[in-house]
Amino acid sequence: MQDRVTFEYAIIRVVPKVERQEFFNVGVILFSKRKKFLDIKYNINQKKLEAFSEEIDINMLKSYLNAWKLVCEGVPSAGTIGKLELSDRFRWLAASRSTIIQSSKTHSGICDNPEKVLEDIFTKYVL
């Protein structure tokens, strides 16, 4: 029981036409302070994207989500945000936005293995 830690996560979604408020899930961001864990997992279903909007470039979306991955990793190419503490990076990624890529409200839980939980949540809500 001592290995169990709290975690927080947010679902990443694509909102092709913000004015219509329609969206579909493309990924998950998960953060655990005690495990010093922050990661993102995403997958964009091209057929689903095209059903929502043929105007959005999937490579552009992947590029933006890859930038989110760099922020999670805290690498120098992530810029100023990538230099922040893990918790601040998570809060920045999970902040409310009115853009094409948004995240849900944050949710919390308790786990032994944040990496496994990230995979489980991704499988349940994205795939």
Protein backbone atom coordinates (compact mmCIF):
# COMPACT_ATOMS: atom_id res chain seq x y z
CA MET A 1 0.00 0.00 0.00
CA GLN A 2 2.95 2.35 0.54
CA ASP A 3 3.73 2.41 -3.18
CA ARG A 4 0.32 3.85 -4.01
CA VAL A 5 0.44 7.50 -5.02
CA THR A 6 -1.99 10.12 -6.18
CA PHE A 7 -2.15 11.10 -9.81
CA GLU A 8 -4.05 13.56 -11.96
CA TYR A 9 -4.97 13.31 -15.61
CA ALA A 10 -6.76 15.18 -18.35
CA ILE A 11 -8.14 13.91 -21.64
CA ILE A 12 -6.84 15.71 -24.73
CA ARG A 13 -9.41 16.36 -27.39
CA VAL A 14 -9.56 17.86 -30.84
CA VAL A 15 -12.31 20.40 -31.45
CA PRO A 16 -12.26 20.81 -35.24
CA LYS A 17 -14.86 23.58 -35.31
CA VAL A 18 -14.81 25.36 -31.97
CA GLU A 19 -18.09 27.15 -32.70
CA ARG A 20 -19.91 23.78 -32.99
CA GLN A 21 -18.40 22.48 -29.73
CA GLU A 22 -17.99 18.98 -31.18
CA PHE A 23 -14.88 17.08 -30.20
CA PHE A 24 -13.23 13.69 -30.09
CA ASN A 25 -10.57 12.36 -27.74
CA VAL A 26 -7.01 12.00 -29.03
CA GLY A 27 -4.87 11.60 -25.94
CA VAL A 28 -4.22 11.67 -22.20
CA ILE A 29 -1.84 13.69 -19.99
CA LEU A 30 -1.00 12.10 -16.64
CA PHE A 31 0.91 13.60 -13.71
CA SER A 32 2.08 12.08 -10.42
CA LYS A 33 4.06 14.36 -8.13
CA ARG A 34 5.40 11.64 -5.81
CA LYS A 35 6.54 9.45 -8.71
CA LYS A 36 7.93 12.52 -10.55
CA PHE A 37 5.96 11.41 -13.58
CA LEU A 38 4.51 13.54 -16.36
CA ASP A 39 3.72 12.03 -19.73
CA ILE A 40 1.33 12.24 -22.63
CA LYS A 41 0.05 9.58 -24.97
CA TYR A 42 -1.89 10.45 -28.10
CA ASN A 43 -3.20 9.05 -31.35
CA ILE A 44 -5.18 10.91 -34.00
CA ASN A 45 -7.63 8.77 -35.96
CA GLN A 46 -7.41 10.29 -39.44
CA LYS A 47 -10.79 8.92 -40.58
CA LYS A 48 -12.50 10.40 -37.54
CA LEU A 49 -10.73 13.72 -38.08
CA GLU A 50 -11.87 13.80 -41.72
CA ALA A 51 -15.45 13.01 -40.65
CA PHE A 52 -15.40 16.07 -38.38
CA SER A 53 -13.48 18.36 -40.73
CA GLU A 54 -11.56 17.92 -43.95
CA GLU A 55 -9.88 21.30 -43.46
CA ILE A 56 -7.55 20.38 -40.58
CA ASP A 57 -4.07 19.16 -41.39
CA ILE A 58 -3.30 16.02 -39.36
CA ASN A 59 0.44 16.74 -39.53
CA MET A 60 -0.14 20.14 -37.93
CA LEU A 61 -2.06 18.49 -35.08
CA LYS A 62 0.68 15.91 -34.60
CA SER A 63 3.25 18.70 -34.51
CA TYR A 64 1.35 20.54 -31.77
CA LEU A 65 0.89 17.36 -29.74
CA ASN A 66 4.56 16.54 -30.15
CA ALA A 67 5.32 19.98 -28.66
CA TRP A 68 3.16 18.97 -25.68
CA LYS A 69 5.25 15.78 -25.40
CA LEU A 70 8.44 17.89 -25.31
CA VAL A 71 6.94 20.00 -22.52
CA CYS A 72 6.22 16.81 -20.56
CA GLU A 73 9.82 15.69 -21.03
CA GLY A 74 11.19 19.09 -20.00
CA VAL A 75 13.73 19.13 -22.82
CA PRO A 76 15.44 22.41 -23.84
CA SER A 77 13.52 22.52 -27.13
CA ALA A 78 10.30 22.84 -25.07
CA GLY A 79 11.23 26.44 -24.32
CA THR A 80 10.37 28.34 -21.16
CA ILE A 81 7.41 26.11 -20.28
CA GLY A 82 9.64 23.02 -20.43
CA LYS A 83 11.85 24.53 -17.69
CA LEU A 84 9.04 24.74 -15.16
CA GLU A 85 8.41 22.25 -12.34
CA LEU A 86 6.49 19.09 -13.33
CA SER A 87 3.32 20.29 -11.60
CA ASP A 88 3.45 23.66 -13.37
CA ARG A 89 3.97 21.99 -16.74
CA PHE A 90 0.97 19.73 -16.11
CA ARG A 91 -1.19 22.72 -15.09
CA TRP A 92 -0.10 24.61 -18.21
CA LEU A 93 -0.95 21.65 -20.48
CA ALA A 94 -4.28 21.00 -18.77
CA ALA A 95 -5.36 24.66 -18.73
CA SER A 96 -8.63 25.64 -20.41
CA ARG A 97 -8.24 26.70 -24.01
CA SER A 98 -10.56 27.82 -26.78
CA THR A 99 -8.43 26.36 -29.55
CA ILE A 100 -8.62 23.26 -31.72
CA ILE A 101 -6.64 21.21 -29.17
CA GLN A 102 -8.17 21.29 -25.68
CA SER A 103 -8.02 19.24 -22.51
CA SER A 104 -10.80 18.10 -20.22
CA LYS A 105 -11.09 19.11 -16.61
CA THR A 106 -8.54 17.27 -14.50
CA HIS A 107 -9.44 14.04 -12.73
CA SER A 108 -7.55 12.32 -9.92
CA GLY A 109 -6.93 8.87 -8.57
CA ILE A 110 -4.52 6.60 -6.70
CA CYS A 111 -2.21 4.08 -8.33
CA ASP A 112 0.97 2.02 -8.02
CA ASN A 113 2.21 2.58 -11.56
CA PRO A 114 1.40 5.88 -13.34
CA GLU A 115 2.76 4.59 -16.65
CA LYS A 116 0.32 1.66 -16.63
CA VAL A 117 -2.57 3.92 -15.61
CA LEU A 118 -1.73 6.26 -18.50
CA GLU A 119 -1.93 3.31 -20.90
CA ASP A 120 -5.19 2.08 -19.36
CA ILE A 121 -6.88 5.50 -19.52
CA PHE A 122 -5.62 6.00 -23.08
CA THR A 123 -7.03 2.63 -24.15
CA LYS A 124 -10.38 3.28 -22.46
CA TYR A 125 -11.01 6.86 -23.58
CA VAL A 126 -9.05 7.30 -26.81
CA LEU A 127 -8.76 4.02 -28.69
